[in-house]
């Protein structure tokens, strides 16, 4: 019998979060209380914002349904470990669809995981290897979660950074946003030592440390962190403007195109479409992915990609030459 009311409410909530309808008598038996106490506890959960629906009948039943807001979830050990392992696996690479919100969720979950569960998560991750790991560099999930926590908490972040030419430095920043390009993670932050906004590749960051010093957010020079990153990458030559025409309707191409390359738009009478996007993907990867779509296409720009596709075509032709 659960006599402690808060503990009983948590147990009741955990039961209700299983997607089924619970008869009042079964809940009373599980909790070791009367049906009247179950009804009072249900009312308390409703006051806390949990949308519990009751059904009429001989025994009556209760089900947790979708409401207007997302109430806190109660997870058992196995569920918490499963979610943390899944989020870590995605966070280690800049996979399409795994954005800053996913990293924030991982940061919140790992913050409250008991030590025994954190150990299980680390052990499971160390013991498993994905068949495919994405095209971007690997990133320690701990690095991402540490950075995401400072973004959410508006807390200054100190870290070691290795530039593209190998130059090492220490940075003290006011982190603004984490941005995923689909291939890499970037941090957009205000660099206090250089007194200017900067972007940092997260796979080049080490020893991230939250300083504990809070700051008032500054106004970003552009409307969004994603736009700031795009301009920064163009300035460094890390990105290029892609324009490709496909001899197929936009819907057919979109179904085969990797989401990180964007969405094509209809062109002409709708029998063809065009893709215009700024991307940081490697030219080799882009050339291969376009060739694998199974749709005739023509690259308008950049000229570097045109040259790379010609090289690829010659290499593939040479591979079967003489057959």
Protein backbone atom coordinates (compact mmCIF):
# COMPACT_ATOMS: atom_id res chain seq x y z
CA UNK A 1 0.00 0.00 0.00
CA UNK A 2 1.33 3.46 -0.97
CA UNK A 3 0.48 5.85 1.88
CA UNK A 4 2.66 8.77 0.78
CA UNK A 5 0.45 10.96 -1.43
CA UNK A 6 3.19 12.44 -3.71
CA UNK A 7 4.69 8.98 -4.25
CA UNK A 8 1.24 7.54 -4.94
CA UNK A 9 0.51 10.28 -7.47
CA UNK A 10 3.74 9.54 -9.32
CA UNK A 11 2.91 5.85 -9.39
CA UNK A 12 -0.58 6.60 -10.65
CA UNK A 13 0.79 8.93 -13.32
CA UNK A 14 3.28 6.30 -14.45
CA UNK A 15 0.45 3.78 -14.85
CA UNK A 16 -1.75 6.22 -16.76
CA UNK A 17 1.06 7.03 -19.20
CA UNK A 18 0.80 3.48 -20.49
CA UNK A 19 -1.46 3.81 -23.58
CA UNK A 20 -4.52 1.90 -22.34
CA UNK A 21 -7.66 2.46 -20.30
CA UNK A 22 -7.36 1.56 -16.61
CA UNK A 23 -10.46 0.38 -14.69
CA UNK A 24 -10.82 2.21 -11.39
CA UNK A 25 -10.81 -1.06 -9.48
CA UNK A 26 -7.51 -2.17 -11.03
CA UNK A 27 -5.87 1.16 -10.20
CA UNK A 28 -7.14 0.92 -6.62
CA UNK A 29 -5.69 -2.59 -6.34
CA UNK A 30 -2.33 -1.54 -7.83
CA UNK A 31 -2.05 1.41 -5.45
CA UNK A 32 -3.46 -0.37 -2.41
CA UNK A 33 -6.11 2.29 -1.80
CA UNK A 34 -9.86 2.69 -2.17
CA UNK A 35 -11.61 3.68 -5.39
CA UNK A 36 -12.60 6.92 -3.70
CA UNK A 37 -8.92 7.73 -3.10
CA UNK A 38 -8.20 6.95 -6.75
CA UNK A 39 -10.90 9.46 -7.80
CA UNK A 40 -9.37 12.13 -5.53
CA UNK A 41 -5.90 11.45 -6.96
CA UNK A 42 -7.26 11.72 -10.50
CA UNK A 43 -8.71 15.13 -9.59
CA UNK A 44 -5.29 16.21 -8.25
CA UNK A 45 -3.61 15.19 -11.51
CA UNK A 46 -6.17 17.18 -13.47
CA UNK A 47 -5.44 20.24 -11.31
CA UNK A 48 -1.75 19.79 -12.21
CA UNK A 49 -2.60 19.92 -15.91
CA UNK A 50 -2.78 16.23 -16.81
CA UNK A 51 -5.80 15.58 -19.07
CA UNK A 52 -7.30 12.39 -17.60
CA UNK A 53 -10.51 11.23 -19.26
CA UNK A 54 -12.99 9.13 -17.29
CA UNK A 55 -15.45 6.69 -18.88
CA UNK A 56 -18.74 5.56 -17.48
CA UNK A 57 -19.51 1.94 -16.77
CA UNK A 58 -19.81 -0.71 -14.10
CA UNK A 59 -16.21 -0.25 -13.04
CA UNK A 60 -15.40 3.04 -14.72
CA UNK A 61 -12.11 3.65 -16.48
CA UNK A 62 -9.40 6.29 -16.80
CA UNK A 63 -7.12 7.17 -19.68
CA UNK A 64 -4.50 9.90 -20.13
CA UNK A 65 -5.26 11.76 -23.36
CA UNK A 66 -3.58 14.49 -25.39
CA UNK A 67 -4.18 17.96 -24.01
CA UNK A 68 -3.38 21.53 -24.99
CA UNK A 69 0.02 21.54 -23.28
CA UNK A 70 2.79 18.98 -22.77
CA UNK A 71 2.80 17.93 -19.09
CA UNK A 72 5.91 16.35 -17.52
CA UNK A 73 6.43 12.67 -18.29
CA UNK A 74 7.28 9.96 -15.80
CA UNK A 75 9.71 7.38 -17.22
CA UNK A 76 10.77 4.08 -15.72
CA UNK A 77 14.43 3.05 -15.78
CA UNK A 78 14.25 1.12 -19.05
CA UNK A 79 12.40 3.92 -20.86
CA UNK A 80 14.85 6.58 -19.65
CA UNK A 81 17.85 4.53 -20.76
CA UNK A 82 16.28 3.79 -24.16
CA UNK A 83 15.53 7.45 -24.83
CA UNK A 84 18.97 8.62 -23.70
CA UNK A 85 20.76 6.03 -25.86
CA UNK A 86 18.66 7.00 -28.87
CA UNK A 87 19.27 10.72 -28.42
CA UNK A 88 23.00 10.16 -27.89
CA UNK A 89 23.25 8.07 -31.04
CA UNK A 90 21.64 10.85 -33.06
CA UNK A 91 23.49 13.67 -31.35
CA UNK A 92 26.89 12.15 -32.11
CA UNK A 93 26.42 13.03 -35.78
CA UNK A 94 24.75 15.96 -37.46
CA UNK A 95 21.88 13.88 -38.78
CA UNK A 96 18.97 15.45 -40.61
CA UNK A 97 16.07 15.94 -38.23
CA UNK A 98 18.23 15.86 -35.09
CA UNK A 99 18.39 19.54 -34.29
CA UNK A 100 18.97 21.76 -31.27
CA UNK A 101 15.67 20.73 -29.68
CA UNK A 102 16.82 17.10 -29.59
CA UNK A 103 20.10 18.08 -27.99
CA UNK A 104 18.28 20.19 -25.39
CA UNK A 105 16.10 17.19 -24.58
CA UNK A 106 19.20 15.04 -24.10
CA UNK A 107 20.77 17.68 -21.85
CA UNK A 108 17.67 17.81 -19.66
CA UNK A 109 17.39 14.03 -19.43
CA UNK A 110 21.06 13.42 -18.60
CA UNK A 111 20.94 16.13 -15.94
CA UNK A 112 18.39 14.17 -13.90
CA UNK A 113 19.47 10.60 -14.68
CA UNK A 114 20.71 8.76 -11.58
CA UNK A 115 24.37 7.73 -11.71
CA UNK A 116 23.45 4.05 -12.16
CA UNK A 117 21.39 4.89 -15.27
CA UNK A 118 24.04 7.21 -16.71
CA UNK A 119 26.48 4.32 -16.40
CA UNK A 120 24.09 2.01 -18.24
CA UNK A 121 23.64 4.55 -21.03
CA UNK A 122 27.41 4.96 -21.45
CA UNK A 123 27.96 1.20 -21.37
CA UNK A 124 25.30 0.55 -24.02
CA UNK A 125 26.65 3.26 -26.28
CA UNK A 126 30.22 1.99 -25.96
CA UNK A 127 29.13 -1.57 -26.73
CA UNK A 128 27.19 -0.77 -29.92
CA UNK A 129 28.28 0.44 -33.34
CA UNK A 130 25.83 1.78 -35.94
CA UNK A 131 26.02 0.30 -39.43
CA UNK A 132 26.01 3.82 -40.85
CA UNK A 133 27.20 6.87 -39.01
CA UNK A 134 26.42 9.75 -41.30
CA UNK A 135 28.83 11.76 -43.44
CA UNK A 136 29.81 14.33 -40.85
CA UNK A 137 32.47 14.01 -38.17
CA UNK A 138 31.66 12.37 -34.86
CA UNK A 139 30.93 14.57 -31.85
CA UNK A 140 30.96 13.60 -28.19
CA UNK A 141 27.33 13.87 -27.00
CA UNK A 142 28.63 15.37 -23.75
CA UNK A 143 30.06 18.29 -25.72
CA UNK A 144 26.72 18.98 -27.37
CA UNK A 145 24.71 18.71 -24.17
CA UNK A 146 27.12 20.98 -22.29
CA UNK A 147 26.83 23.61 -25.01
CA UNK A 148 23.05 23.24 -25.28
CA UNK A 149 22.71 23.78 -21.53
CA UNK A 150 24.59 27.08 -21.71
CA UNK A 151 22.48 28.21 -24.67
CA UNK A 152 19.27 27.48 -22.79
CA UNK A 153 20.54 28.96 -19.52
CA UNK A 154 22.19 32.04 -21.09
CA UNK A 155 25.42 31.12 -19.38
CA UNK A 156 28.90 32.04 -20.63
CA UNK A 157 30.80 29.15 -22.17
CA UNK A 158 34.58 28.62 -22.23
CA UNK A 159 36.19 26.03 -24.49
CA UNK A 160 39.31 25.04 -26.40
CA UNK A 161 39.06 25.44 -30.17
CA UNK A 162 41.11 24.12 -33.08
CA UNK A 163 40.77 26.13 -36.28
CA UNK A 164 40.84 24.63 -39.77
CA UNK A 165 44.57 25.34 -40.11
CA UNK A 166 45.29 23.61 -36.79
CA UNK A 167 45.69 26.79 -34.72
CA UNK A 168 44.63 26.18 -31.11
CA UNK A 169 42.99 28.83 -28.94
CA UNK A 170 40.84 29.29 -25.84
CA UNK A 171 37.49 31.02 -26.31
CA UNK A 172 35.14 32.74 -23.88
CA UNK A 173 31.72 33.17 -25.47
CA UNK A 174 28.10 34.05 -24.95
CA UNK A 175 26.45 31.10 -26.78
CA UNK A 176 23.42 31.96 -28.87
CA UNK A 177 22.31 28.89 -30.84
CA UNK A 178 23.42 25.44 -31.97
CA UNK A 179 22.73 24.90 -35.68
CA UNK A 180 22.82 21.63 -37.60
CA UNK A 181 23.52 21.74 -41.34
CA UNK A 182 22.73 18.03 -41.72
CA UNK A 183 26.45 17.23 -41.96
CA UNK A 184 27.95 19.23 -39.09
CA UNK A 185 26.98 21.05 -35.91
CA UNK A 186 27.91 24.72 -35.45
CA UNK A 187 27.74 27.05 -32.47
CA UNK A 188 26.76 30.66 -33.13
CA UNK A 189 28.10 32.77 -30.28
CA UNK A 190 29.43 36.18 -29.32
CA UNK A 191 33.19 35.94 -28.78
CA UNK A 192 34.00 38.16 -25.79
CA UNK A 193 37.76 38.35 -26.48
CA UNK A 194 37.29 39.34 -30.12
CA UNK A 195 34.20 41.45 -29.38
CA UNK A 196 32.32 40.06 -32.36
CA UNK A 197 29.97 37.30 -33.43
CA UNK A 198 31.55 34.03 -34.52
CA UNK A 199 30.60 30.52 -35.68
CA UNK A 200 32.44 27.46 -34.35
CA UNK A 201 32.43 23.92 -35.70
CA UNK A 202 31.44 21.78 -32.75
CA UNK A 203 33.65 18.86 -33.83
CA UNK A 204 36.62 21.22 -33.29
CA UNK A 205 35.53 22.14 -29.76
CA UNK A 206 36.99 20.45 -26.68
CA UNK A 207 36.84 20.99 -22.93
CA UNK A 208 33.53 22.92 -22.91
CA UNK A 209 33.00 24.54 -19.52
CA UNK A 210 29.97 26.44 -18.27
CA UNK A 211 31.37 29.36 -16.28
CA UNK A 212 28.27 29.98 -14.19
CA UNK A 213 28.17 33.63 -15.30
CA UNK A 214 24.82 34.67 -16.75
CA UNK A 215 24.44 37.23 -19.52
CA UNK A 216 21.74 39.30 -21.19
CA UNK A 217 21.28 38.11 -24.79
CA UNK A 218 22.68 40.35 -27.52
CA UNK A 219 20.96 41.11 -30.80
CA UNK A 220 22.23 38.96 -33.64
CA UNK A 221 23.30 40.97 -36.76
CA UNK A 222 20.98 38.84 -38.95
CA UNK A 223 17.45 37.67 -38.39
CA UNK A 224 18.32 34.10 -37.43
CA UNK A 225 21.26 31.96 -36.40
CA UNK A 226 20.81 29.83 -39.52
CA UNK A 227 21.08 32.86 -41.81
CA UNK A 228 24.12 34.14 -39.88
CA UNK A 229 25.77 30.74 -40.31
CA UNK A 230 25.02 30.69 -44.05
CA UNK A 231 26.63 34.12 -44.54
CA UNK A 232 29.61 33.14 -42.44
CA UNK A 233 30.17 29.96 -44.41
CA UNK A 234 29.91 31.78 -47.71
CA UNK A 235 32.51 34.28 -46.54
CA UNK A 236 34.92 31.47 -45.63
CA UNK A 237 34.24 29.51 -48.79
CA UNK A 238 32.77 26.63 -46.75
CA UNK A 239 29.44 26.75 -48.59
CA UNK A 240 28.19 27.19 -52.13
CA UNK A 241 24.93 28.01 -53.86
CA UNK A 242 23.49 24.95 -55.57
CA UNK A 243 21.04 25.13 -58.47
CA UNK A 244 19.98 21.92 -60.20
CA UNK A 245 17.18 21.30 -62.73
CA UNK A 246 15.50 17.87 -62.68
CA UNK A 247 13.52 16.34 -65.56
CA UNK A 248 10.74 15.17 -63.23
CA UNK A 249 7.94 16.73 -61.16
CA UNK A 250 8.87 18.31 -57.84
CA UNK A 251 6.91 15.73 -55.82
CA UNK A 252 8.78 12.81 -57.40
CA UNK A 253 12.19 14.38 -56.82
CA UNK A 254 11.38 15.45 -53.25
CA UNK A 255 10.51 11.83 -52.38
CA UNK A 256 14.02 10.72 -53.36
CA UNK A 257 16.06 13.76 -52.33
CA UNK A 258 17.82 13.81 -48.93
CA UNK A 259 15.98 16.29 -46.71
CA UNK A 260 19.14 18.20 -45.90
CA UNK A 261 19.47 19.22 -49.57
CA UNK A 262 16.20 21.13 -49.43
CA UNK A 263 12.92 21.01 -51.34
CA UNK A 264 12.69 21.44 -55.14
CA UNK A 265 10.21 23.85 -56.69
CA UNK A 266 8.15 23.23 -59.87
CA UNK A 267 9.44 24.85 -63.02
CA UNK A 268 7.70 25.52 -66.30
CA UNK A 269 4.63 23.36 -66.88
CA UNK A 270 5.30 21.27 -63.77
CA UNK A 271 7.01 18.43 -65.64
CA UNK A 272 10.36 19.57 -64.27
CA UNK A 273 11.61 21.24 -61.11
CA UNK A 274 14.56 23.18 -59.78
CA UNK A 275 16.47 22.96 -56.52
CA UNK A 276 18.09 26.13 -55.18
CA UNK A 277 19.89 25.87 -51.85
CA UNK A 278 23.01 26.98 -50.03
CA UNK A 279 24.82 23.91 -48.74
CA UNK A 280 28.04 23.01 -46.96
CA UNK A 281 28.00 19.39 -48.13
CA UNK A 282 31.11 18.22 -49.93
CA UNK A 283 31.07 18.42 -53.71
CA UNK A 284 31.87 14.70 -53.98
CA UNK A 285 28.96 13.76 -51.72
CA UNK A 286 26.57 16.04 -53.61
CA UNK A 287 27.65 14.65 -56.99
CA UNK A 288 27.12 11.06 -55.87
CA UNK A 289 23.75 11.77 -54.23
CA UNK A 290 22.45 13.52 -57.34
CA UNK A 291 23.56 10.62 -59.51
CA UNK A 292 21.82 8.14 -57.21
CA UNK A 293 18.40 9.81 -57.52
CA UNK A 294 17.60 7.97 -60.74
CA UNK A 295 16.34 11.20 -62.36
CA UNK A 296 17.89 13.10 -65.27
CA UNK A 297 19.28 16.42 -64.06
CA UNK A 298 21.44 19.37 -65.11
CA UNK A 299 23.61 21.44 -62.76
CA UNK A 300 23.44 25.19 -63.38
CA UNK A 301 25.79 26.09 -60.55
CA UNK A 302 28.31 26.02 -59.02
CA UNK A 303 30.86 25.36 -61.78
CA UNK A 304 32.99 23.38 -59.30
CA UNK A 305 30.20 20.81 -58.99
CA UNK A 306 29.88 20.59 -62.78
CA UNK A 307 33.59 19.77 -62.98
CA UNK A 308 33.33 17.23 -60.18
CA UNK A 309 30.43 15.43 -61.92
CA UNK A 310 32.42 15.25 -65.17
CA UNK A 311 35.32 13.69 -63.25
CA UNK A 312 32.95 11.21 -61.62
CA UNK A 313 31.37 10.31 -64.98
CA UNK A 314 34.81 9.68 -66.51
CA UNK A 315 35.86 7.55 -63.53
CA UNK A 316 32.70 5.45 -63.68
CA UNK A 317 33.02 5.03 -67.45
CA UNK A 318 36.61 3.89 -67.01
CA UNK A 319 35.57 1.34 -64.41
CA UNK A 320 33.54 -0.61 -66.98
CA UNK A 321 35.62 0.25 -70.04
CA UNK A 322 36.26 -2.75 -72.23
CA UNK A 323 33.30 -4.87 -71.08
